[in-house]
Protein backbone atom coordinates (compact mmCIF):
# COMPACT_ATOMS: atom_id res chain seq x y z
CA UNK A 1 41.30 7.48 8.19
CA UNK A 2 38.11 5.46 8.88
CA UNK A 3 35.12 6.14 7.04
CA UNK A 4 32.16 7.89 8.84
CA UNK A 5 30.18 5.20 10.42
CA UNK A 6 27.82 6.92 12.89
CA UNK A 7 25.28 8.91 10.86
CA UNK A 8 21.47 8.83 10.48
CA UNK A 9 19.45 9.88 7.44
CA UNK A 10 15.74 9.93 6.68
CA UNK A 11 14.11 8.15 3.52
CA UNK A 12 10.63 8.70 1.88
CA UNK A 13 9.25 5.54 0.56
CA UNK A 14 6.18 5.87 -1.29
CA UNK A 15 4.06 2.76 -2.81
CA UNK A 16 2.00 3.31 -5.68
CA UNK A 17 -0.17 0.82 -7.65
CA UNK A 18 -2.41 0.41 -10.63
CA UNK A 19 -6.34 0.12 -10.38
CA UNK A 20 -8.40 -1.91 -12.91
CA UNK A 21 -8.61 0.91 -14.97
CA UNK A 22 -5.00 1.71 -14.98
CA UNK A 23 -5.18 4.56 -12.67
CA UNK A 24 -2.26 5.04 -10.21
CA UNK A 25 -3.30 4.79 -6.68
CA UNK A 26 -0.98 5.68 -3.61
CA UNK A 27 -1.00 2.78 -1.20
CA UNK A 28 0.83 4.78 1.43
CA UNK A 29 4.30 6.13 2.43
CA UNK A 30 6.39 5.68 5.35
CA UNK A 31 9.53 7.58 6.41
CA UNK A 32 12.15 5.66 7.98
CA UNK A 33 15.14 7.08 9.57
CA UNK A 34 17.99 4.90 8.58
CA UNK A 35 21.14 4.61 11.09
CA UNK A 36 24.07 2.19 11.70
CA UNK A 37 23.28 -0.05 14.46
CA UNK A 38 26.08 -2.82 15.54
CA UNK A 39 27.64 -3.26 12.21
CA UNK A 40 24.15 -3.22 10.05
CA UNK A 41 21.48 -0.65 8.87
CA UNK A 42 18.23 -0.31 10.57
CA UNK A 43 15.09 1.71 9.60
CA UNK A 44 13.09 2.95 12.44
CA UNK A 45 9.92 4.32 11.24
CA UNK A 46 9.28 7.64 12.12
CA UNK A 47 6.26 8.88 9.97
CA UNK A 48 3.45 7.72 7.98
CA UNK A 49 1.63 9.20 5.01
CA UNK A 50 3.45 12.68 5.48
CA UNK A 51 2.52 12.55 9.58
CA UNK A 52 4.91 11.76 12.27
CA UNK A 53 3.79 8.80 14.17
CA UNK A 54 1.92 9.29 17.41
CA UNK A 55 0.14 7.20 19.97
CA UNK A 56 0.30 3.77 19.61
CA UNK A 57 1.94 3.52 16.40
CA UNK A 58 5.17 5.56 17.61
CA UNK A 59 5.02 3.37 20.66
CA UNK A 60 5.05 0.01 18.49
CA UNK A 61 8.14 1.58 16.25
CA UNK A 62 9.83 2.45 19.91
CA UNK A 63 9.13 -1.15 20.81
CA UNK A 64 10.35 -2.84 17.39
CA UNK A 65 13.58 -0.60 17.66
CA UNK A 66 14.42 -1.84 21.10
CA UNK A 67 13.98 -5.20 20.33
CA UNK A 68 16.07 -5.24 17.52
CA UNK A 69 18.71 -2.98 19.69
CA UNK A 70 18.89 -5.54 22.36
CA UNK A 71 19.03 -8.55 19.82
CA UNK A 72 21.72 -6.73 18.10
CA UNK A 73 23.61 -6.14 21.20
CA UNK A 74 23.43 -9.71 22.50
CA UNK A 75 24.30 -11.41 19.04
CA UNK A 76 27.41 -13.57 18.69
CA UNK A 77 30.23 -12.89 16.47
CA UNK A 78 28.71 -15.71 14.00
CA UNK A 79 25.53 -14.45 14.06
CA UNK A 80 26.64 -10.94 13.34
CA UNK A 81 28.83 -12.38 10.51
CA UNK A 82 25.89 -14.23 9.12
CA UNK A 83 23.10 -11.03 9.62
CA UNK A 84 26.08 -9.08 7.86
CA UNK A 85 26.41 -11.71 4.91
CA UNK A 86 22.67 -11.75 4.42
CA UNK A 87 22.37 -7.77 4.28
CA UNK A 88 25.31 -7.83 1.82
CA UNK A 89 23.74 -10.15 -0.66
CA UNK A 90 20.61 -8.24 -0.45
CA UNK A 91 22.50 -5.09 -1.35
CA UNK A 92 23.94 -6.95 -4.32
CA UNK A 93 20.77 -7.98 -5.41
CA UNK A 94 19.40 -4.59 -4.99
CA UNK A 95 22.34 -3.32 -7.32
CA UNK A 96 22.12 -6.00 -9.68
CA UNK A 97 20.11 -3.78 -12.23
CA UNK A 98 22.92 -1.41 -12.46
CA UNK A 99 25.22 -3.99 -14.30
CA UNK A 100 22.14 -4.01 -17.14
CA UNK A 101 22.43 -0.26 -17.90
CA UNK A 102 24.65 0.09 -21.07
CA UNK A 103 27.76 2.06 -20.39
CA UNK A 104 28.18 5.06 -22.75
CA UNK A 105 31.09 4.94 -25.17
CA UNK A 106 33.04 7.84 -25.83
């Protein structure tokens, strides 16, 4: 049985920083719709600050997706392997902090 490879999900990514008085300030949020695209993840922006993209922003997001789709469609096996290795390296780096969390002792 093969794992499901054809799926889509939506994230909400919110960015906040502190100002000079140490008050939280929201810099914005965006919602990428994640999906598998030729063996790798691709996040297509679908909303900004809680509102669906419209007009020029939507066109730009659609153009970026089409460009990436064509790029991945025509990449060689070597290019694909290199891209997948870079993605795996990034995922490993993102999970690195999990090794720093102490394991419970029972």
